[in-house]
Amino acid sequence: MFNTTIDTIVLTEPLHWLNRNNTQRVAANMKRALNGAPHIQQTIIPAGIALELGSKNGWMPRSEFEQLQTHAATTLTEFTINHDGSDINVMWDSTQNSVITGDDVDDQLGGYPLLTNVVLRFLTL
């Protein structure tokens, strides 16, 4: 199993590709002509595909989570992630509410040292 690297941040636990089998790869538009016949236009989406990596039921150390939060807040341009041995050019998906989310494993003042249900959102380039 490969580790996941986000730009220069090497994660200790590999992440799962959460939406690998649930991404829109074709854009389509349909309008009806005056006689009711459908006019359909379709095109392959070459980039800008949503990519979600996450821990599922695994965990991530708070130190790595905070590094990723800082990276997401300061990196507005393209970077490379290495997932399962493949390099993918991405940028953070700031079109969503939060580009990185996670839950503390347990309630603790100041935050628990581990987080679970971590989700990182990217757009492919």
Foldseek 3Di string as FASTA:
>chain_A
DDFKFDFNQTFPDHWDFPCPPPKDQKDKDWDADPVGDIDMDMDGDPWFIKTKTFQAAHKGFPVSLVVVVVCLVPDQDWGWMAHPNDIFIKHQPPVDPDQWDWAAPDDDVVGHRMTHGIMGIIITD
